[in-house]
Amino acid sequence: MTTHTDRRYADALAAHKTGNLDAAAQLCGEILQSTPEHADTMHLFGIIAGQTGNWQAAT
């Protein structure tokens, strides 16, 4: 069964894969607001932060 969070994470991952880092980061932030323990989203958010030079957020 796919949850709403899983669908939103898939959207964030797709945005990241197409290079739309702003949209991916926005989606990750929204997911983490409601589900802060979502490990895949935390990981993707850290990757995006590193790619955009936001080293403080990446840690």
PDB file of N, CA and C in Angstrom:
ATOM      1  N   MET A   1       0.839  -1.168   0.000  1.00  0.00           N
ATOM      2  CA  MET A   1       0.000   0.000   0.000  1.00  0.00           C
ATOM      3  C   MET A   1       0.896   1.248   0.000  1.00  0.00           C
ATOM      4  N   THR A   2       0.592   2.163  -0.868  1.00  0.00           N
ATOM      5  CA  THR A   2       1.355   3.402  -0.972  1.00  0.00           C
ATOM      6  C   THR A   2       0.666   4.494  -0.169  1.00  0.00           C
ATOM      7  N   THR A   3       1.441   5.150   0.662  1.00  0.00           N
ATOM      8  CA  THR A   3       0.892   6.228   1.484  1.00  0.00           C
ATOM      9  C   THR A   3       1.059   7.572   0.776  1.00  0.00           C
ATOM     10  N   HIS A   4       0.365   8.557   1.299  1.00  0.00           N
ATOM     11  CA  HIS A   4       0.480   9.922   0.777  1.00  0.00           C
ATOM     12  C   HIS A   4       1.935  10.390   0.859  1.00  0.00           C
ATOM     13  N   THR A   5       2.598  10.088   1.946  1.00  0.00           N
ATOM     14  CA  THR A   5       4.005  10.475   2.116  1.00  0.00           C
ATOM     15  C   THR A   5       4.872   9.798   1.065  1.00  0.00           C
ATOM     16  N   ASP A   6       4.617   8.533   0.800  1.00  0.00           N
ATOM     17  CA  ASP A   6       5.399   7.815  -0.215  1.00  0.00           C
ATOM     18  C   ASP A   6       5.216   8.436  -1.596  1.00  0.00           C
ATOM     19  N   ARG A   7       3.998   8.838  -1.925  1.00  0.00           N
ATOM     20  CA  ARG A   7       3.741   9.473  -3.222  1.00  0.00           C
ATOM     21  C   ARG A   7       4.452  10.820  -3.313  1.00  0.00           C
ATOM     22  N   ARG A   8       4.415  11.571  -2.230  1.00  0.00           N
ATOM     23  CA  ARG A   8       5.091  12.883  -2.225  1.00  0.00           C
ATOM     24  C   ARG A   8       6.605  12.696  -2.307  1.00  0.00           C
ATOM     25  N   TYR A   9       7.122  11.674  -1.630  1.00  0.00           N
ATOM     26  CA  TYR A   9       8.552  11.394  -1.728  1.00  0.00           C
ATOM     27  C   TYR A   9       8.916  11.032  -3.170  1.00  0.00           C
ATOM     28  N   ALA A  10       8.092  10.233  -3.824  1.00  0.00           N
ATOM     29  CA  ALA A  10       8.343   9.870  -5.220  1.00  0.00           C
ATOM     30  C   ALA A  10       8.356  11.121  -6.097  1.00  0.00           C
ATOM     31  N   ASP A  11       7.477  12.065  -5.818  1.00  0.00           N
ATOM     32  CA  ASP A  11       7.467  13.338  -6.559  1.00  0.00           C
ATOM     33  C   ASP A  11       8.757  14.116  -6.316  1.00  0.00           C
ATOM     34  N   ALA A  12       9.218  14.145  -5.066  1.00  0.00           N
ATOM     35  CA  ALA A  12      10.463  14.840  -4.737  1.00  0.00           C
ATOM     36  C   ALA A  12      11.644  14.181  -5.440  1.00  0.00           C
ATOM     37  N   LEU A  13      11.668  12.883  -5.441  1.00  0.00           N
ATOM     38  CA  LEU A  13      12.750  12.147  -6.090  1.00  0.00           C
ATOM     39  C   LEU A  13      12.738  12.397  -7.595  1.00  0.00           C
ATOM     40  N   ALA A  14      11.558  12.413  -8.199  1.00  0.00           N
ATOM     41  CA  ALA A  14      11.455  12.686  -9.637  1.00  0.00           C
ATOM     42  C   ALA A  14      11.924  14.101  -9.950  1.00  0.00           C
ATOM     43  N   ALA A  15      11.553  15.068  -9.120  1.00  0.00           N
ATOM     44  CA  ALA A  15      12.001  16.445  -9.324  1.00  0.00           C
ATOM     45  C   ALA A  15      13.521  16.522  -9.231  1.00  0.00           C
ATOM     46  N   HIS A  16      14.097  15.815  -8.276  1.00  0.00           N
ATOM     47  CA  HIS A  16      15.552  15.802  -8.120  1.00  0.00           C
ATOM     48  C   HIS A  16      16.215  15.188  -9.350  1.00  0.00           C
ATOM     49  N   LYS A  17      15.673  14.085  -9.820  1.00  0.00           N
ATOM     50  CA  LYS A  17      16.268  13.397 -10.967  1.00  0.00           C
ATOM     51  C   LYS A  17      16.239  14.243 -12.232  1.00  0.00           C
ATOM     52  N   THR A  18      15.259  15.145 -12.342  1.00  0.00           N
ATOM     53  CA  THR A  18      15.186  16.010 -13.524  1.00  0.00           C
ATOM     54  C   THR A  18      15.934  17.320 -13.324  1.00  0.00           C
ATOM     55  N   GLY A  19      16.563  17.476 -12.154  1.00  0.00           N
ATOM     56  CA  GLY A  19      17.352  18.663 -11.890  1.00  0.00           C
ATOM     57  C   GLY A  19      16.584  19.824 -11.294  1.00  0.00           C
ATOM     58  N   ASN A  20      15.333  19.609 -10.950  1.00  0.00           N
ATOM     59  CA  ASN A  20      14.524  20.666 -10.342  1.00  0.00           C
ATOM     60  C   ASN A  20      14.737  20.623  -8.828  1.00  0.00           C
ATOM     61  N   LEU A  21      15.894  21.114  -8.412  1.00  0.00           N
ATOM     62  CA  LEU A  21      16.297  21.017  -7.012  1.00  0.00           C
ATOM     63  C   LEU A  21      15.427  21.861  -6.088  1.00  0.00           C
ATOM     64  N   ASP A  22      14.972  23.016  -6.567  1.00  0.00           N
ATOM     65  CA  ASP A  22      14.112  23.864  -5.734  1.00  0.00           C
ATOM     66  C   ASP A  22      12.807  23.145  -5.393  1.00  0.00           C
ATOM     67  N   ALA A  23      12.187  22.540  -6.395  1.00  0.00           N
ATOM     68  CA  ALA A  23      10.926  21.824  -6.161  1.00  0.00           C
ATOM     69  C   ALA A  23      11.160  20.611  -5.272  1.00  0.00           C
ATOM     70  N   ALA A  24      12.240  19.900  -5.510  1.00  0.00           N
ATOM     71  CA  ALA A  24      12.552  18.724  -4.701  1.00  0.00           C
ATOM     72  C   ALA A  24      12.774  19.113  -3.244  1.00  0.00           C
ATOM     73  N   ALA A  25      13.516  20.185  -3.019  1.00  0.00           N
ATOM     74  CA  ALA A  25      13.771  20.641  -1.654  1.00  0.00           C
ATOM     75  C   ALA A  25      12.479  21.093  -0.982  1.00  0.00           C
ATOM     76  N   GLN A  26      11.627  21.777  -1.730  1.00  0.00           N
ATOM     77  CA  GLN A  26      10.346  22.219  -1.184  1.00  0.00           C
ATOM     78  C   GLN A  26       9.502  21.019  -0.755  1.00  0.00           C
ATOM     79  N   LEU A  27       9.416  20.023  -1.607  1.00  0.00           N
ATOM     80  CA  LEU A  27       8.647  18.819  -1.271  1.00  0.00           C
ATOM     81  C   LEU A  27       9.247  18.101  -0.066  1.00  0.00           C
ATOM     82  N   CYS A  28      10.568  17.994  -0.024  1.00  0.00           N
ATOM     83  CA  CYS A  28      11.215  17.351   1.123  1.00  0.00           C
ATOM     84  C   CYS A  28      10.880  18.089   2.415  1.00  0.00           C
ATOM     85  N   GLY A  29      10.961  19.401   2.365  1.00  0.00           N
ATOM     86  CA  GLY A  29      10.636  20.196   3.544  1.00  0.00           C
ATOM     87  C   GLY A  29       9.209  19.966   4.008  1.00  0.00           C
ATOM     88  N   GLU A  30       8.281  19.900   3.061  1.00  0.00           N
ATOM     89  CA  GLU A  30       6.882  19.660   3.407  1.00  0.00           C
ATOM     90  C   GLU A  30       6.686  18.269   4.015  1.00  0.00           C
ATOM     91  N   ILE A  31       7.347  17.287   3.435  1.00  0.00           N
ATOM     92  CA  ILE A  31       7.242  15.922   3.974  1.00  0.00           C
ATOM     93  C   ILE A  31       7.787  15.877   5.395  1.00  0.00           C
ATOM     94  N   LEU A  32       8.947  16.494   5.595  1.00  0.00           N
ATOM     95  CA  LEU A  32       9.583  16.441   6.912  1.00  0.00           C
ATOM     96  C   LEU A  32       8.807  17.225   7.971  1.00  0.00           C
ATOM     97  N   GLN A  33       7.998  18.182   7.551  1.00  0.00           N
ATOM     98  CA  GLN A  33       7.136  18.881   8.511  1.00  0.00           C
ATOM     99  C   GLN A  33       6.116  17.922   9.114  1.00  0.00           C
ATOM    100  N   SER A  34       5.564  17.058   8.272  1.00  0.00           N
ATOM    101  CA  SER A  34       4.519  16.152   8.746  1.00  0.00           C
ATOM    102  C   SER A  34       5.059  14.798   9.202  1.00  0.00           C
ATOM    103  N   THR A  35       6.205  14.391   8.641  1.00  0.00           N
ATOM    104  CA  THR A  35       6.771  13.079   8.961  1.00  0.00           C
ATOM    105  C   THR A  35       8.275  13.225   9.138  1.00  0.00           C
ATOM    106  N   PRO A  36       8.710  13.822  10.259  1.00  0.00           N
ATOM    107  CA  PRO A  36      10.135  14.135  10.426  1.00  0.00           C
ATOM    108  C   PRO A  36      11.052  12.915  10.489  1.00  0.00           C
ATOM    109  N   GLU A  37      10.505  11.745  10.722  1.00  0.00           N
ATOM    110  CA  GLU A  37      11.336  10.543  10.816  1.00  0.00           C
ATOM    111  C   GLU A  37      11.477   9.808   9.478  1.00  0.00           C
ATOM    112  N   HIS A  38      10.981  10.381   8.387  1.00  0.00           N
ATOM    113  CA  HIS A  38      11.043   9.715   7.078  1.00  0.00           C
ATOM    114  C   HIS A  38      12.494   9.728   6.576  1.00  0.00           C
ATOM    115  N   ALA A  39      13.170   8.614   6.758  1.00  0.00           N
ATOM    116  CA  ALA A  39      14.609   8.519   6.506  1.00  0.00           C
ATOM    117  C   ALA A  39      14.986   8.811   5.055  1.00  0.00           C
ATOM    118  N   ASP A  40      14.232   8.296   4.102  1.00  0.00           N
ATOM    119  CA  ASP A  40      14.558   8.535   2.698  1.00  0.00           C
ATOM    120  C   ASP A  40      14.498  10.027   2.369  1.00  0.00           C
ATOM    121  N   THR A  41      13.508  10.715   2.928  1.00  0.00           N
ATOM    122  CA  THR A  41      13.379  12.145   2.685  1.00  0.00           C
ATOM    123  C   THR A  41      14.522  12.906   3.339  1.00  0.00           C
ATOM    124  N   MET A  42      14.904  12.526   4.539  1.00  0.00           N
ATOM    125  CA  MET A  42      16.041  13.176   5.192  1.00  0.00           C
ATOM    126  C   MET A  42      17.299  13.021   4.343  1.00  0.00           C
ATOM    127  N   HIS A  43      17.490  11.826   3.802  1.00  0.00           N
ATOM    128  CA  HIS A  43      18.658  11.563   2.975  1.00  0.00           C
ATOM    129  C   HIS A  43      18.632  12.416   1.713  1.00  0.00           C
ATOM    130  N   LEU A  44      17.510  12.430   1.012  1.00  0.00           N
ATOM    131  CA  LEU A  44      17.399  13.222  -0.211  1.00  0.00           C
ATOM    132  C   LEU A  44      17.585  14.707   0.083  1.00  0.00           C
ATOM    133  N   PHE A  45      17.003  15.184   1.166  1.00  0.00           N
ATOM    134  CA  PHE A  45      17.145  16.584   1.538  1.00  0.00           C
ATOM    135  C   PHE A  45      18.616  16.929   1.787  1.00  0.00           C
ATOM    136  N   GLY A  46      19.341  16.025   2.428  1.00  0.00           N
ATOM    137  CA  GLY A  46      20.770  16.234   2.660  1.00  0.00           C
ATOM    138  C   GLY A  46      21.565  16.275   1.361  1.00  0.00           C
ATOM    139  N   ILE A  47      21.211  15.412   0.432  1.00  0.00           N
ATOM    140  CA  ILE A  47      21.882  15.407  -0.872  1.00  0.00           C
ATOM    141  C   ILE A  47      21.646  16.736  -1.589  1.00  0.00           C
ATOM    142  N   ILE A  48      20.392  17.182  -1.596  1.00  0.00           N
ATOM    143  CA  ILE A  48      20.050  18.444  -2.260  1.00  0.00           C
ATOM    144  C   ILE A  48      20.783  19.611  -1.591  1.00  0.00           C
ATOM    145  N   ALA A  49      20.817  19.602  -0.280  1.00  0.00           N
ATOM    146  CA  ALA A  49      21.514  20.667   0.446  1.00  0.00           C
ATOM    147  C   ALA A  49      22.987  20.702   0.054  1.00  0.00           C
ATOM    148  N   GLY A  50      23.604  19.547  -0.041  1.00  0.00           N
ATOM    149  CA  GLY A  50      25.003  19.487  -0.463  1.00  0.00           C
ATOM    150  C   GLY A  50      25.198  19.960  -1.895  1.00  0.00           C
ATOM    151  N   GLN A  51      24.289  19.574  -2.774  1.00  0.00           N
ATOM    152  CA  GLN A  51      24.397  19.976  -4.174  1.00  0.00           C
ATOM    153  C   GLN A  51      24.228  21.477  -4.369  1.00  0.00           C
ATOM    154  N   THR A  52      23.495  22.099  -3.473  1.00  0.00           N
ATOM    155  CA  THR A  52      23.259  23.538  -3.598  1.00  0.00           C
ATOM    156  C   THR A  52      24.195  24.349  -2.703  1.00  0.00           C
ATOM    157  N   GLY A  53      25.132  23.673  -2.032  1.00  0.00           N
ATOM    158  CA  GLY A  53      26.106  24.364  -1.212  1.00  0.00           C
ATOM    159  C   GLY A  53      25.578  24.799   0.154  1.00  0.00           C
ATOM    160  N   ASN A  54      24.450  24.285   0.545  1.00  0.00           N
ATOM    161  CA  ASN A  54      23.874  24.610   1.849  1.00  0.00           C
ATOM    162  C   ASN A  54      24.401  23.595   2.859  1.00  0.00           C
ATOM    163  N   TRP A  55      25.659  23.731   3.199  1.00  0.00           N
ATOM    164  CA  TRP A  55      26.342  22.729   4.013  1.00  0.00           C
ATOM    165  C   TRP A  55      25.765  22.629   5.413  1.00  0.00           C
ATOM    166  N   GLN A  56      25.276  23.711   5.958  1.00  0.00           N
ATOM    167  CA  GLN A  56      24.699  23.666   7.307  1.00  0.00           C
ATOM    168  C   GLN A  56      23.453  22.776   7.315  1.00  0.00           C
ATOM    169  N   ALA A  57      22.604  22.901   6.311  1.00  0.00           N
ATOM    170  CA  ALA A  57      21.401  22.070   6.236  1.00  0.00           C
ATOM    171  C   ALA A  57      21.745  20.628   5.897  1.00  0.00           C
ATOM    172  N   ALA A  58      22.870  20.424   5.258  1.00  0.00           N
ATOM    173  CA  ALA A  58      23.249  19.070   4.822  1.00  0.00           C
ATOM    174  C   ALA A  58      23.691  18.191   5.994  1.00  0.00           C
ATOM    175  N   THR A  59      24.023  18.789   7.110  1.00  0.00           N
ATOM    176  CA  THR A  59      24.509  17.992   8.243  1.00  0.00           C
ATOM    177  C   THR A  59      23.423  17.643   9.212  1.00  0.00           C
TER     178      THR A  59
END
